[in-house]
Each structure stands twice: as structure tokens, then as C-alpha cells.
Amino acid sequence: MGRKAFSTTEVQTTAATVAYERIKNDILTGRLEPGLKLRIDQLETFYEIGSSPIREALNRLTAESLVDRQEQRGFYVAKVSVQELREIVKTRLWLESIALRESMANADQRWEDNLVLALHRLSHTKRSLSEMEYKLNPEWETRHAVYHDALIANCG
């Protein structure tokens, strides 16, 4: 059927990355709700990806605290706590404001050029793929992250 031959490792790595990105997106957009049990067999069918890549993706998401793993019970979408969210946002704001102040104090032409370029690219990218409803635009997400990285790139 003209399929490209891959080594076993290459296929699993690629499939695991695809599974990771798709499951993460579905968690972040609310398609997979907090507290939902993530059954391997159901995820295999839904994402059309084998069990090993699904398990690898779930373990990566566990490391990011987007998925909880309970001994002998399986994987669950991490529950959301308003108090935890407040603490995380507060801490992130503290750290990023310090990093931004340091970056600005160390400002040079290269930093400013990179910042302007990142903002230009971000401002010319639609946030949503749909005009009718919010649909995650991966390109916008990437450019948004690049812009924020550029802001604090000179903090040392």
C-alpha cells in the first residue's frame, strides 16, 4: 500500500507524541473533563493509536499534572481546584514579573528586535481556527509562547 517503513522505536515515538498532543489539547479545551477516567482501550479507539503510545502520552501528561495516575485504578483527567489555580497564577505572575524586569534591565538591540518580530508574528496569527466558535489554533499557541519567551529572554 505504499507505506513508509519505520523502525518500531520511530513509530512508537511518533505515535506517542501525536497521542500526547491530542490528549493534552482535549484536556486543555475541556473536551476531556476534570475527573474523567481515561480508559486505555477507549482512548485507543477514539484516537486510533495503540496502547503503548497512549500509556506513554498519559505518563507524560501525569508529569505535567494534567493527568492523575491512581495505583490499581488507572488514569484520570486531573481535577481543577480554584485555590490551586490562584496559587499557580500568583506564583507565575511573581516569577514572570521578576524575569521581565531583569530582561528589560538587560535590554539590547538584539533582544528588542527579537521581541518586535515575535509580537509582529503573533499579531498576524488568528487565535481561533473558526470564526463561529473558539477552536484552538496551534500556530497561535506556538507564536504566543515564542512571544512570552522573547519577553523574558534577556533575564539571565
C-alpha atoms as a PDB file:
ATOM      1  CA  MET A   1       0.000   0.000   0.000  1.00  0.00           C
ATOM      2  CA  GLY A   2       2.990   2.294  -0.367  1.00  0.00           C
ATOM      3  CA  ARG A   3       3.501   2.724   3.371  1.00  0.00           C
ATOM      4  CA  LYS A   4       6.795   4.110   4.525  1.00  0.00           C
ATOM      5  CA  ALA A   5       8.805   1.640   6.600  1.00  0.00           C
ATOM      6  CA  PHE A   6       9.652   2.857  10.115  1.00  0.00           C
ATOM      7  CA  SER A   7      11.607   1.253  12.863  1.00  0.00           C
ATOM      8  CA  THR A   8       9.500   0.167  15.842  1.00  0.00           C
ATOM      9  CA  THR A   9      11.030   2.896  18.007  1.00  0.00           C
ATOM     10  CA  GLU A  10      10.337   5.608  15.430  1.00  0.00           C
ATOM     11  CA  VAL A  11       6.657   4.617  15.073  1.00  0.00           C
ATOM     12  CA  GLN A  12       6.111   4.463  18.854  1.00  0.00           C
ATOM     13  CA  THR A  13       7.835   7.795  19.447  1.00  0.00           C
ATOM     14  CA  THR A  14       5.826   9.485  16.706  1.00  0.00           C
ATOM     15  CA  ALA A  15       2.548   7.892  17.765  1.00  0.00           C
ATOM     16  CA  ALA A  16       3.212   8.736  21.430  1.00  0.00           C
ATOM     17  CA  THR A  17       3.857  12.365  20.547  1.00  0.00           C
ATOM     18  CA  VAL A  18       0.680  12.514  18.476  1.00  0.00           C
ATOM     19  CA  ALA A  19      -1.286  10.908  21.315  1.00  0.00           C
ATOM     20  CA  TYR A  20       0.272  13.277  23.855  1.00  0.00           C
ATOM     21  CA  GLU A  21      -0.575  16.380  21.817  1.00  0.00           C
ATOM     22  CA  ARG A  22      -4.136  15.282  21.044  1.00  0.00           C
ATOM     23  CA  ILE A  23      -4.979  14.223  24.601  1.00  0.00           C
ATOM     24  CA  LYS A  24      -3.369  17.368  26.033  1.00  0.00           C
ATOM     25  CA  ASN A  25      -5.368  19.534  23.642  1.00  0.00           C
ATOM     26  CA  ASP A  26      -8.580  17.729  24.580  1.00  0.00           C
ATOM     27  CA  ILE A  27      -7.868  18.245  28.288  1.00  0.00           C
ATOM     28  CA  LEU A  28      -6.975  21.927  27.886  1.00  0.00           C
ATOM     29  CA  THR A  29     -10.033  22.655  25.755  1.00  0.00           C
ATOM     30  CA  GLY A  30     -12.362  20.801  28.142  1.00  0.00           C
ATOM     31  CA  ARG A  31     -13.296  18.003  25.740  1.00  0.00           C
ATOM     32  CA  LEU A  32     -11.950  15.615  28.394  1.00  0.00           C
ATOM     33  CA  GLU A  33     -13.439  16.881  31.647  1.00  0.00           C
ATOM     34  CA  PRO A  34     -11.683  17.004  35.037  1.00  0.00           C
ATOM     35  CA  GLY A  35     -12.122  13.748  36.957  1.00  0.00           C
ATOM     36  CA  LEU A  36     -12.872  11.675  33.837  1.00  0.00           C
ATOM     37  CA  LYS A  37     -11.391   8.160  33.918  1.00  0.00           C
ATOM     38  CA  LEU A  38      -9.075   7.723  30.945  1.00  0.00           C
ATOM     39  CA  ARG A  39      -9.503   4.121  29.857  1.00  0.00           C
ATOM     40  CA  ILE A  40      -6.687   2.918  27.602  1.00  0.00           C
ATOM     41  CA  ASP A  41      -8.996   0.850  25.377  1.00  0.00           C
ATOM     42  CA  GLN A  42     -11.381   3.766  24.826  1.00  0.00           C
ATOM     43  CA  LEU A  43      -8.512   6.154  24.080  1.00  0.00           C
ATOM     44  CA  GLU A  44      -7.049   3.640  21.597  1.00  0.00           C
ATOM     45  CA  THR A  45     -10.347   3.523  19.716  1.00  0.00           C
ATOM     46  CA  PHE A  46     -11.036   7.261  19.892  1.00  0.00           C
ATOM     47  CA  TYR A  47      -7.551   8.399  18.835  1.00  0.00           C
ATOM     48  CA  GLU A  48      -6.830   5.341  16.644  1.00  0.00           C
ATOM     49  CA  ILE A  49      -3.446   4.914  18.329  1.00  0.00           C
ATOM     50  CA  GLY A  50      -2.062   1.795  20.049  1.00  0.00           C
ATOM     51  CA  SER A  51      -1.974   1.210  23.788  1.00  0.00           C
ATOM     52  CA  SER A  52       1.791   1.686  24.267  1.00  0.00           C
ATOM     53  CA  PRO A  53       1.846   5.213  22.786  1.00  0.00           C
ATOM     54  CA  ILE A  54      -1.314   6.060  24.748  1.00  0.00           C
ATOM     55  CA  ARG A  55       0.325   4.908  28.000  1.00  0.00           C
ATOM     56  CA  GLU A  56       3.468   6.901  27.220  1.00  0.00           C
ATOM     57  CA  ALA A  57       1.360  10.004  26.490  1.00  0.00           C
ATOM     58  CA  LEU A  58      -0.582   9.573  29.754  1.00  0.00           C
ATOM     59  CA  ASN A  59       2.659   9.245  31.717  1.00  0.00           C
ATOM     60  CA  ARG A  60       3.975  12.460  30.129  1.00  0.00           C
ATOM     61  CA  LEU A  61       0.714  14.213  30.990  1.00  0.00           C
ATOM     62  CA  THR A  62       0.965  12.886  34.549  1.00  0.00           C
ATOM     63  CA  ALA A  63       4.393  14.521  34.827  1.00  0.00           C
ATOM     64  CA  GLU A  64       2.746  17.796  33.768  1.00  0.00           C
ATOM     65  CA  SER A  65      -0.054  17.332  36.355  1.00  0.00           C
ATOM     66  CA  LEU A  66      -2.730  17.289  33.658  1.00  0.00           C
ATOM     67  CA  VAL A  67      -3.464  13.628  34.378  1.00  0.00           C
ATOM     68  CA  ASP A  68      -3.543  11.806  37.722  1.00  0.00           C
ATOM     69  CA  ARG A  69      -2.433   8.178  37.997  1.00  0.00           C
ATOM     70  CA  GLN A  70      -4.010   6.196  40.811  1.00  0.00           C
ATOM     71  CA  GLU A  71      -2.446   2.861  41.793  1.00  0.00           C
ATOM     72  CA  GLN A  72      -4.561  -0.087  40.641  1.00  0.00           C
ATOM     73  CA  ARG A  73      -7.254   2.324  39.361  1.00  0.00           C
ATOM     74  CA  GLY A  74      -5.780   3.884  36.230  1.00  0.00           C
ATOM     75  CA  PHE A  75      -5.537   7.379  34.818  1.00  0.00           C
ATOM     76  CA  TYR A  76      -7.900  10.323  35.344  1.00  0.00           C
ATOM     77  CA  VAL A  77      -8.033  13.855  33.987  1.00  0.00           C
ATOM     78  CA  ALA A  78      -6.662  15.979  36.831  1.00  0.00           C
ATOM     79  CA  LYS A  79      -9.305  17.771  38.862  1.00  0.00           C
ATOM     80  CA  VAL A  80      -9.264  21.531  38.895  1.00  0.00           C
ATOM     81  CA  SER A  81      -9.011  23.408  42.168  1.00  0.00           C
ATOM     82  CA  VAL A  82      -9.769  27.124  42.191  1.00  0.00           C
ATOM     83  CA  GLN A  83      -7.378  27.613  45.124  1.00  0.00           C
ATOM     84  CA  GLU A  84      -4.533  25.768  43.357  1.00  0.00           C
ATOM     85  CA  LEU A  85      -5.163  27.772  40.193  1.00  0.00           C
ATOM     86  CA  ARG A  86      -4.985  31.019  42.151  1.00  0.00           C
ATOM     87  CA  GLU A  87      -1.705  29.957  43.777  1.00  0.00           C
ATOM     88  CA  ILE A  88      -0.190  28.876  40.461  1.00  0.00           C
ATOM     89  CA  VAL A  89      -1.208  32.104  38.714  1.00  0.00           C
ATOM     90  CA  LYS A  90       0.047  34.221  41.623  1.00  0.00           C
ATOM     91  CA  THR A  91       3.418  32.430  41.677  1.00  0.00           C
ATOM     92  CA  ARG A  92       3.763  32.610  37.910  1.00  0.00           C
ATOM     93  CA  LEU A  93       2.999  36.337  37.947  1.00  0.00           C
ATOM     94  CA  TRP A  94       5.682  36.914  40.594  1.00  0.00           C
ATOM     95  CA  LEU A  95       8.303  34.941  38.712  1.00  0.00           C
ATOM     96  CA  GLU A  96       7.488  36.340  35.298  1.00  0.00           C
ATOM     97  CA  SER A  97       7.394  39.931  36.539  1.00  0.00           C
ATOM     98  CA  ILE A  98      10.868  39.496  38.044  1.00  0.00           C
ATOM     99  CA  ALA A  99      12.121  37.875  34.841  1.00  0.00           C
ATOM    100  CA  LEU A 100      10.587  40.663  32.731  1.00  0.00           C
ATOM    101  CA  ARG A 101      12.167  43.405  34.882  1.00  0.00           C
ATOM    102  CA  GLU A 102      15.557  41.698  34.599  1.00  0.00           C
ATOM    103  CA  SER A 103      15.130  41.215  30.857  1.00  0.00           C
ATOM    104  CA  MET A 104      14.268  44.896  30.388  1.00  0.00           C
ATOM    105  CA  ALA A 105      17.192  45.975  32.583  1.00  0.00           C
ATOM    106  CA  ASN A 106      19.490  43.940  30.305  1.00  0.00           C
ATOM    107  CA  ALA A 107      17.805  45.201  27.117  1.00  0.00           C
ATOM    108  CA  ASP A 108      19.893  45.424  23.979  1.00  0.00           C
ATOM    109  CA  GLN A 109      19.130  45.818  20.268  1.00  0.00           C
ATOM    110  CA  ARG A 110      19.054  42.080  19.583  1.00  0.00           C
ATOM    111  CA  TRP A 111      16.533  41.472  22.408  1.00  0.00           C
ATOM    112  CA  GLU A 112      14.335  44.335  21.184  1.00  0.00           C
ATOM    113  CA  ASP A 113      14.478  43.130  17.566  1.00  0.00           C
ATOM    114  CA  ASN A 114      13.505  39.587  18.577  1.00  0.00           C
ATOM    115  CA  LEU A 115      10.676  40.922  20.737  1.00  0.00           C
ATOM    116  CA  VAL A 116       9.259  43.116  17.953  1.00  0.00           C
ATOM    117  CA  LEU A 117       9.486  40.239  15.464  1.00  0.00           C
ATOM    118  CA  ALA A 118       7.735  37.822  17.845  1.00  0.00           C
ATOM    119  CA  LEU A 119       4.948  40.347  18.519  1.00  0.00           C
ATOM    120  CA  HIS A 120       4.556  41.036  14.792  1.00  0.00           C
ATOM    121  CA  ARG A 121       4.190  37.324  14.012  1.00  0.00           C
ATOM    122  CA  LEU A 122       1.754  36.798  16.889  1.00  0.00           C
ATOM    123  CA  SER A 123      -0.419  39.776  15.926  1.00  0.00           C
ATOM    124  CA  HIS A 124      -0.759  38.409  12.370  1.00  0.00           C
ATOM    125  CA  THR A 125      -1.969  34.981  13.517  1.00  0.00           C
ATOM    126  CA  LYS A 126      -5.616  34.222  14.256  1.00  0.00           C
ATOM    127  CA  ARG A 127      -6.189  32.894  17.754  1.00  0.00           C
ATOM    128  CA  SER A 128      -9.036  30.625  16.663  1.00  0.00           C
ATOM    129  CA  LEU A 129      -9.313  28.439  13.581  1.00  0.00           C
ATOM    130  CA  SER A 130     -13.043  29.194  13.424  1.00  0.00           C
ATOM    131  CA  GLU A 131     -14.955  32.474  13.310  1.00  0.00           C
ATOM    132  CA  MET A 132     -18.090  30.846  14.804  1.00  0.00           C
ATOM    133  CA  GLU A 133     -16.594  29.197  17.900  1.00  0.00           C
ATOM    134  CA  TYR A 134     -13.243  29.051  19.628  1.00  0.00           C
ATOM    135  CA  LYS A 135     -11.153  26.351  18.018  1.00  0.00           C
ATOM    136  CA  LEU A 136      -7.536  26.119  19.169  1.00  0.00           C
ATOM    137  CA  ASN A 137      -5.034  27.363  16.598  1.00  0.00           C
ATOM    138  CA  PRO A 138      -1.756  25.524  17.294  1.00  0.00           C
ATOM    139  CA  GLU A 139       0.202  28.123  15.309  1.00  0.00           C
ATOM    140  CA  TRP A 140      -1.143  30.928  17.532  1.00  0.00           C
ATOM    141  CA  GLU A 141      -0.291  28.908  20.654  1.00  0.00           C
ATOM    142  CA  THR A 142       3.274  28.424  19.405  1.00  0.00           C
ATOM    143  CA  ARG A 143       3.716  32.078  18.480  1.00  0.00           C
ATOM    144  CA  HIS A 144       2.218  33.182  21.798  1.00  0.00           C
ATOM    145  CA  ALA A 145       4.760  31.049  23.659  1.00  0.00           C
ATOM    146  CA  VAL A 146       7.587  32.420  21.470  1.00  0.00           C
ATOM    147  CA  TYR A 147       6.489  35.987  22.267  1.00  0.00           C
ATOM    148  CA  HIS A 148       6.449  35.349  26.019  1.00  0.00           C
ATOM    149  CA  ASP A 149       9.823  33.630  25.792  1.00  0.00           C
ATOM    150  CA  ALA A 150      11.167  36.650  23.910  1.00  0.00           C
ATOM    151  CA  LEU A 151       9.912  38.978  26.668  1.00  0.00           C
ATOM    152  CA  ILE A 152      11.996  37.250  29.317  1.00  0.00           C
ATOM    153  CA  ALA A 153      14.849  36.019  27.097  1.00  0.00           C
ATOM    154  CA  ASN A 154      17.283  38.606  28.429  1.00  0.00           C
ATOM    155  CA  CYS A 155      16.702  37.957  32.133  1.00  0.00           C
ATOM    156  CA  GLY A 156      19.863  35.887  32.563  1.00  0.00           C
END
